[in-house]
Each structure stands twice: as structure tokens, then as C-alpha cells.
Amino acid sequence: MAIENADYRVVEVHGDLEIRLYAPQILAETTVDTDFDDAGNQAFQRLFNYISGANRAQSKIAMTAPVSQEAVSQKIAMTAPVIQEGSGETWRVSFLVPSSFTRDTVPEPVDPRVRLREVPERTIAALRFSGTWGEKRFRDHESKLRAMLAKQGLKADGEPIFARYNPPFTPWFMRRNEVLIPVRQIE
């Protein structure tokens, strides 16, 4: 069964590096205070409850991909797709709301820890990798992506995002993972 993925257009390719233009999005997100490797597990149930009917309309919302995780810094950046970003041990984990909803039609969460956030169109650098999930693999690929950005004359314009596209029962070697970093041209 196919699920909806984030809407983007690839505008440049440099080896394994893709520069993408993402369409505006609505995210359902929550924050958790825990380590990187446990953040997705803790946040997932809150977000899953929301899409399973724990919303004011009591309606089910289709699952989408990716699930994103990014660190939350002292100054929270207002840019992120399906994401996780971090500062210390606080992580923002999000689900992409299906494109059939608008800000006016998306059901409001009943859990105050789940919020809806609109993200405008943005340019994001992406590095895809397969395999297991974990902070070390994420950080290794983040370092590779940052080196690729420098080589292409691009500058990070937000926190790195860990994007996971598959459910946990997917064999590790078939998983699609990505490190995403919002970017801008160096002037």
C-alpha cells in the first residue's frame, strides 16, 4: 500500500547530493525530552494517536512519509519538513499532514502536546542512505552532507533533519533514510 510522501522537485543533483524545492507543508509535531535514539519512539505514539482519531473531528488521517526528527535549539527555527532537530536532549518529531488538508480543514489535535505547523516552500539539501536508525549513522551522514554543501557553495539555513520513510518492521537493508538540511546560496 503506497503512502503519500513529501512533495518536492529535484532542482540539482551532484553525485549523491540532491537539492530539492519542497512545496509548502502542514506538519503535526510534538517535542520530547530524551536522547536521539529514543525520541522517535516516544513521540510516535502521540502522533499516531492524532492520526488515528485523537483529534477534534475524531477522524482518521492517512499515514505519510517521512517521519522527521530535528533538534530543538534555544531559538526554535520555524523551518522544517517531516523532521527531527536537536539541541541537547529536546527533539521535535513530526508527521506530514496529507496534502488533501488545508490549515482550515485539518483536524485539531486533542492532545496539547501535538501541534500543527505550516512550513513555507523551501530549498533543502538531501543525502539518502539505507540501513539501521541511530544517532551515529545520522551524524556520520550529516557530516558527509555538510562537506558536500561546502563543495557546492551552499550554506545551511536551518537545523539538520533526520527523515525516516519506512515502518520499523521494514528490513534494515531496505529502509530509506535521509539527512535533510535547509540551504541557501553563499553570497
C-alpha atoms as a PDB file:
ATOM      1  CA  MET A   1       0.000   0.000   0.000  1.00  0.00           C
ATOM      2  CA  ALA A   2       1.553   3.290  -1.101  1.00  0.00           C
ATOM      3  CA  ILE A   3       1.581   6.260   1.239  1.00  0.00           C
ATOM      4  CA  GLU A   4       1.896   9.938   0.387  1.00  0.00           C
ATOM      5  CA  ASN A   5       5.412  11.376   0.525  1.00  0.00           C
ATOM      6  CA  ALA A   6       6.514  14.987   0.945  1.00  0.00           C
ATOM      7  CA  ASP A   7       6.013  16.942  -2.292  1.00  0.00           C
ATOM      8  CA  TYR A   8       9.287  18.184  -3.745  1.00  0.00           C
ATOM      9  CA  ARG A   9      11.041  18.732  -7.050  1.00  0.00           C
ATOM     10  CA  VAL A  10      14.725  17.910  -7.528  1.00  0.00           C
ATOM     11  CA  VAL A  11      16.407  21.042  -8.912  1.00  0.00           C
ATOM     12  CA  GLU A  12      20.068  19.922  -8.857  1.00  0.00           C
ATOM     13  CA  VAL A  13      21.976  16.673  -8.475  1.00  0.00           C
ATOM     14  CA  HIS A  14      25.670  16.462  -7.547  1.00  0.00           C
ATOM     15  CA  GLY A  15      26.537  12.776  -7.120  1.00  0.00           C
ATOM     16  CA  ASP A  16      24.623  11.568  -4.048  1.00  0.00           C
ATOM     17  CA  LEU A  17      23.563  15.131  -3.145  1.00  0.00           C
ATOM     18  CA  GLU A  18      20.114  16.307  -4.201  1.00  0.00           C
ATOM     19  CA  ILE A  19      18.941  19.906  -3.933  1.00  0.00           C
ATOM     20  CA  ARG A  20      15.160  19.898  -3.653  1.00  0.00           C
ATOM     21  CA  LEU A  21      12.460  22.527  -3.703  1.00  0.00           C
ATOM     22  CA  TYR A  22       9.783  21.453  -1.210  1.00  0.00           C
ATOM     23  CA  ALA A  23       6.186  22.611  -1.565  1.00  0.00           C
ATOM     24  CA  PRO A  24       4.530  24.273   1.459  1.00  0.00           C
ATOM     25  CA  GLN A  25       3.542  21.716   4.103  1.00  0.00           C
ATOM     26  CA  ILE A  26       1.492  21.299   7.231  1.00  0.00           C
ATOM     27  CA  LEU A  27       3.157  19.242   9.946  1.00  0.00           C
ATOM     28  CA  ALA A  28       1.713  17.560  13.023  1.00  0.00           C
ATOM     29  CA  GLU A  29       4.530  17.680  15.556  1.00  0.00           C
ATOM     30  CA  THR A  30       5.453  17.104  19.175  1.00  0.00           C
ATOM     31  CA  THR A  31       8.576  17.598  21.263  1.00  0.00           C
ATOM     32  CA  VAL A  32      10.169  15.115  23.627  1.00  0.00           C
ATOM     33  CA  ASP A  33      12.965  15.438  26.163  1.00  0.00           C
ATOM     34  CA  THR A  34      15.081  12.330  25.694  1.00  0.00           C
ATOM     35  CA  ASP A  35      18.119  11.120  23.786  1.00  0.00           C
ATOM     36  CA  PHE A  36      18.242  10.994  19.986  1.00  0.00           C
ATOM     37  CA  ASP A  37      17.687   7.263  19.674  1.00  0.00           C
ATOM     38  CA  ASP A  38      14.562   7.219  21.889  1.00  0.00           C
ATOM     39  CA  ALA A  39      12.965  10.438  20.581  1.00  0.00           C
ATOM     40  CA  GLY A  40      11.151   8.836  17.669  1.00  0.00           C
ATOM     41  CA  ASN A  41       9.757   6.051  19.834  1.00  0.00           C
ATOM     42  CA  GLN A  42       8.430   8.427  22.493  1.00  0.00           C
ATOM     43  CA  ALA A  43       6.918  10.889  20.043  1.00  0.00           C
ATOM     44  CA  PHE A  44       5.496   8.353  17.608  1.00  0.00           C
ATOM     45  CA  GLN A  45       2.638   7.214  19.852  1.00  0.00           C
ATOM     46  CA  ARG A  46       1.376  10.792  20.376  1.00  0.00           C
ATOM     47  CA  LEU A  47       1.420  11.472  16.650  1.00  0.00           C
ATOM     48  CA  PHE A  48      -0.064   8.075  15.803  1.00  0.00           C
ATOM     49  CA  ASN A  49      -2.926   8.709  18.249  1.00  0.00           C
ATOM     50  CA  TYR A  50      -3.599  12.033  16.499  1.00  0.00           C
ATOM     51  CA  ILE A  51      -3.863  10.451  13.033  1.00  0.00           C
ATOM     52  CA  SER A  52      -5.882   7.545  14.480  1.00  0.00           C
ATOM     53  CA  GLY A  53      -8.688   9.835  15.621  1.00  0.00           C
ATOM     54  CA  ALA A  54      -7.439  11.692  18.719  1.00  0.00           C
ATOM     55  CA  ASN A  55      -8.482  14.967  17.103  1.00  0.00           C
ATOM     56  CA  ARG A  56     -11.486  17.275  17.388  1.00  0.00           C
ATOM     57  CA  ALA A  57     -13.128  15.731  14.291  1.00  0.00           C
ATOM     58  CA  GLN A  58     -12.399  12.194  15.566  1.00  0.00           C
ATOM     59  CA  SER A  59     -11.290  11.346  12.030  1.00  0.00           C
ATOM     60  CA  LYS A  60      -8.542   9.094  10.828  1.00  0.00           C
ATOM     61  CA  ILE A  61      -5.762  10.715   8.842  1.00  0.00           C
ATOM     62  CA  ALA A  62      -3.652   8.721   6.395  1.00  0.00           C
ATOM     63  CA  MET A  63      -0.046   7.948   7.316  1.00  0.00           C
ATOM     64  CA  THR A  64       2.561   9.814   5.278  1.00  0.00           C
ATOM     65  CA  ALA A  65       6.335   9.808   4.913  1.00  0.00           C
ATOM     66  CA  PRO A  66       8.764  10.739   6.091  1.00  0.00           C
ATOM     67  CA  VAL A  67       8.620  10.932   9.850  1.00  0.00           C
ATOM     68  CA  SER A  68      11.074  13.690  10.698  1.00  0.00           C
ATOM     69  CA  GLN A  69      13.133  14.462  13.766  1.00  0.00           C
ATOM     70  CA  GLU A  70      15.201  17.554  14.474  1.00  0.00           C
ATOM     71  CA  ALA A  71      16.847  19.106  17.500  1.00  0.00           C
ATOM     72  CA  VAL A  72      15.125  21.972  19.244  1.00  0.00           C
ATOM     73  CA  SER A  73      17.531  24.792  19.950  1.00  0.00           C
ATOM     74  CA  GLN A  74      17.060  27.681  22.361  1.00  0.00           C
ATOM     75  CA  LYS A  75      15.894  29.740  19.396  1.00  0.00           C
ATOM     76  CA  ILE A  76      13.464  27.437  17.570  1.00  0.00           C
ATOM     77  CA  ALA A  77      13.762  27.732  13.810  1.00  0.00           C
ATOM     78  CA  MET A  78      10.423  27.937  12.015  1.00  0.00           C
ATOM     79  CA  THR A  79      11.595  25.798   9.108  1.00  0.00           C
ATOM     80  CA  ALA A  80      11.312  22.031   8.974  1.00  0.00           C
ATOM     81  CA  PRO A  81       9.579  19.257   6.956  1.00  0.00           C
ATOM     82  CA  VAL A  82       8.819  15.790   8.284  1.00  0.00           C
ATOM     83  CA  ILE A  83      11.630  16.327  10.834  1.00  0.00           C
ATOM     84  CA  GLN A  84      13.790  15.968  13.954  1.00  0.00           C
ATOM     85  CA  GLU A  85      16.262  18.631  15.016  1.00  0.00           C
ATOM     86  CA  GLY A  86      18.154  18.950  18.252  1.00  0.00           C
ATOM     87  CA  SER A  87      19.845  20.960  20.906  1.00  0.00           C
ATOM     88  CA  GLY A  88      20.760  18.995  23.942  1.00  0.00           C
ATOM     89  CA  GLU A  89      18.115  16.390  24.588  1.00  0.00           C
ATOM     90  CA  THR A  90      14.946  18.018  23.227  1.00  0.00           C
ATOM     91  CA  TRP A  91      13.707  16.776  19.857  1.00  0.00           C
ATOM     92  CA  ARG A  92      10.858  17.823  17.583  1.00  0.00           C
ATOM     93  CA  VAL A  93       9.319  14.867  15.758  1.00  0.00           C
ATOM     94  CA  SER A  94       6.760  15.420  13.012  1.00  0.00           C
ATOM     95  CA  PHE A  95       4.384  13.741  10.573  1.00  0.00           C
ATOM     96  CA  LEU A  96       3.495  15.355   7.286  1.00  0.00           C
ATOM     97  CA  VAL A  97      -0.234  16.104   7.078  1.00  0.00           C
ATOM     98  CA  PRO A  98      -1.676  14.722   3.802  1.00  0.00           C
ATOM     99  CA  SER A  99      -1.932  17.339   1.036  1.00  0.00           C
ATOM    100  CA  SER A 100      -5.719  16.874   0.873  1.00  0.00           C
ATOM    101  CA  PHE A 101      -5.943  19.054   4.023  1.00  0.00           C
ATOM    102  CA  THR A 102      -5.557  22.812   4.332  1.00  0.00           C
ATOM    103  CA  ARG A 103      -4.919  24.738   7.537  1.00  0.00           C
ATOM    104  CA  ASP A 104      -8.689  25.324   7.689  1.00  0.00           C
ATOM    105  CA  THR A 105      -9.681  21.676   7.177  1.00  0.00           C
ATOM    106  CA  VAL A 106      -7.014  19.724   9.096  1.00  0.00           C
ATOM    107  CA  PRO A 107      -8.449  18.310  12.347  1.00  0.00           C
ATOM    108  CA  GLU A 108      -7.156  19.985  15.507  1.00  0.00           C
ATOM    109  CA  PRO A 109      -5.318  17.663  17.928  1.00  0.00           C
ATOM    110  CA  VAL A 110      -6.915  16.964  21.307  1.00  0.00           C
ATOM    111  CA  ASP A 111      -3.525  16.308  22.948  1.00  0.00           C
ATOM    112  CA  PRO A 112      -1.982  19.715  23.754  1.00  0.00           C
ATOM    113  CA  ARG A 113       1.489  18.216  23.190  1.00  0.00           C
ATOM    114  CA  VAL A 114       0.652  17.767  19.483  1.00  0.00           C
ATOM    115  CA  ARG A 115       0.736  20.948  17.418  1.00  0.00           C
ATOM    116  CA  LEU A 116       0.083  21.811  13.787  1.00  0.00           C
ATOM    117  CA  ARG A 117       2.626  23.985  11.973  1.00  0.00           C
ATOM    118  CA  GLU A 118       2.682  25.411   8.475  1.00  0.00           C
ATOM    119  CA  VAL A 119       6.031  25.330   6.698  1.00  0.00           C
ATOM    120  CA  PRO A 120       6.510  27.552   3.621  1.00  0.00           C
ATOM    121  CA  GLU A 121       8.179  26.447   0.395  1.00  0.00           C
ATOM    122  CA  ARG A 122      11.896  25.945   0.937  1.00  0.00           C
ATOM    123  CA  THR A 123      15.082  24.589  -0.576  1.00  0.00           C
ATOM    124  CA  ILE A 124      16.589  21.549   1.120  1.00  0.00           C
ATOM    125  CA  ALA A 125      19.753  19.540   0.520  1.00  0.00           C
ATOM    126  CA  ALA A 126      19.237  15.790   0.864  1.00  0.00           C
ATOM    127  CA  LEU A 127      21.521  12.805   1.309  1.00  0.00           C
ATOM    128  CA  ARG A 128      19.805   9.409   1.177  1.00  0.00           C
ATOM    129  CA  PHE A 129      21.076   6.313   2.961  1.00  0.00           C
ATOM    130  CA  SER A 130      19.735   2.887   3.857  1.00  0.00           C
ATOM    131  CA  GLY A 131      20.224   0.764   6.917  1.00  0.00           C
ATOM    132  CA  THR A 132      19.557   0.997  10.605  1.00  0.00           C
ATOM    133  CA  TRP A 133      18.440   4.087  12.501  1.00  0.00           C
ATOM    134  CA  GLY A 134      20.572   5.711  15.135  1.00  0.00           C
ATOM    135  CA  GLU A 135      22.344   8.877  16.100  1.00  0.00           C
ATOM    136  CA  LYS A 136      25.808   7.733  14.983  1.00  0.00           C
ATOM    137  CA  ARG A 137      24.613   6.895  11.454  1.00  0.00           C
ATOM    138  CA  PHE A 138      22.664  10.172  11.302  1.00  0.00           C
ATOM    139  CA  ARG A 139      25.696  12.228  12.446  1.00  0.00           C
ATOM    140  CA  ASP A 140      28.044  10.411  10.013  1.00  0.00           C
ATOM    141  CA  HIS A 141      25.739  11.200   7.084  1.00  0.00           C
ATOM    142  CA  GLU A 142      25.167  14.746   8.339  1.00  0.00           C
ATOM    143  CA  SER A 143      28.956  15.313   8.217  1.00  0.00           C
ATOM    144  CA  LYS A 144      29.079  13.953   4.656  1.00  0.00           C
ATOM    145  CA  LEU A 145      26.197  16.205   3.624  1.00  0.00           C
ATOM    146  CA  ARG A 146      27.803  19.306   5.166  1.00  0.00           C
ATOM    147  CA  ALA A 147      31.045  18.577   3.251  1.00  0.00           C
ATOM    148  CA  MET A 148      29.040  18.241   0.020  1.00  0.00           C
ATOM    149  CA  LEU A 149      27.287  21.561   0.708  1.00  0.00           C
ATOM    150  CA  ALA A 150      30.598  23.366   1.202  1.00  0.00           C
ATOM    151  CA  LYS A 151      31.925  21.905  -2.049  1.00  0.00           C
ATOM    152  CA  GLN A 152      28.836  23.173  -3.916  1.00  0.00           C
ATOM    153  CA  GLY A 153      28.918  26.660  -2.355  1.00  0.00           C
ATOM    154  CA  LEU A 154      25.750  26.168  -0.330  1.00  0.00           C
ATOM    155  CA  LYS A 155      25.173  27.274   3.258  1.00  0.00           C
ATOM    156  CA  ALA A 156      22.942  25.600   5.833  1.00  0.00           C
ATOM    157  CA  ASP A 157      19.860  27.681   6.599  1.00  0.00           C
ATOM    158  CA  GLY A 158      18.385  25.634   9.438  1.00  0.00           C
ATOM    159  CA  GLU A 159      18.882  22.598  11.617  1.00  0.00           C
ATOM    160  CA  PRO A 160      19.616  19.151  10.148  1.00  0.00           C
ATOM    161  CA  ILE A 161      16.608  16.856   9.900  1.00  0.00           C
ATOM    162  CA  PHE A 162      16.544  13.081  10.169  1.00  0.00           C
ATOM    163  CA  ALA A 163      13.856  11.720   7.818  1.00  0.00           C
ATOM    164  CA  ARG A 164      12.664   8.103   8.058  1.00  0.00           C
ATOM    165  CA  TYR A 165      10.409   6.712   5.341  1.00  0.00           C
ATOM    166  CA  ASN A 166       9.705   3.138   6.462  1.00  0.00           C
ATOM    167  CA  PRO A 167       7.997   1.424   9.364  1.00  0.00           C
ATOM    168  CA  PRO A 168      10.248  -0.318  11.899  1.00  0.00           C
ATOM    169  CA  PHE A 169       9.359  -3.785  10.603  1.00  0.00           C
ATOM    170  CA  THR A 170      10.999  -3.000   7.233  1.00  0.00           C
ATOM    171  CA  PRO A 171      14.242  -4.988   6.915  1.00  0.00           C
ATOM    172  CA  TRP A 172      17.171  -2.680   7.712  1.00  0.00           C
ATOM    173  CA  PHE A 173      18.733  -3.053   4.259  1.00  0.00           C
ATOM    174  CA  MET A 174      15.503  -1.871   2.567  1.00  0.00           C
ATOM    175  CA  ARG A 175      14.973   1.257   4.682  1.00  0.00           C
ATOM    176  CA  ARG A 176      15.072   4.708   3.133  1.00  0.00           C
ATOM    177  CA  ASN A 177      16.567   7.324   5.445  1.00  0.00           C
ATOM    178  CA  GLU A 178      17.716  10.853   4.668  1.00  0.00           C
ATOM    179  CA  VAL A 179      19.585  13.713   6.231  1.00  0.00           C
ATOM    180  CA  LEU A 180      17.949  16.969   5.151  1.00  0.00           C
ATOM    181  CA  ILE A 181      19.371  20.456   5.648  1.00  0.00           C
ATOM    182  CA  PRO A 182      17.597  23.661   4.558  1.00  0.00           C
ATOM    183  CA  VAL A 183      20.052  25.629   2.375  1.00  0.00           C
ATOM    184  CA  ARG A 184      20.737  28.917   0.615  1.00  0.00           C
ATOM    185  CA  GLN A 185      23.401  30.057  -1.836  1.00  0.00           C
ATOM    186  CA  ILE A 186      26.550  31.570  -0.319  1.00  0.00           C
ATOM    187  CA  GLU A 187      26.655  35.224  -1.317  1.00  0.00           C
END
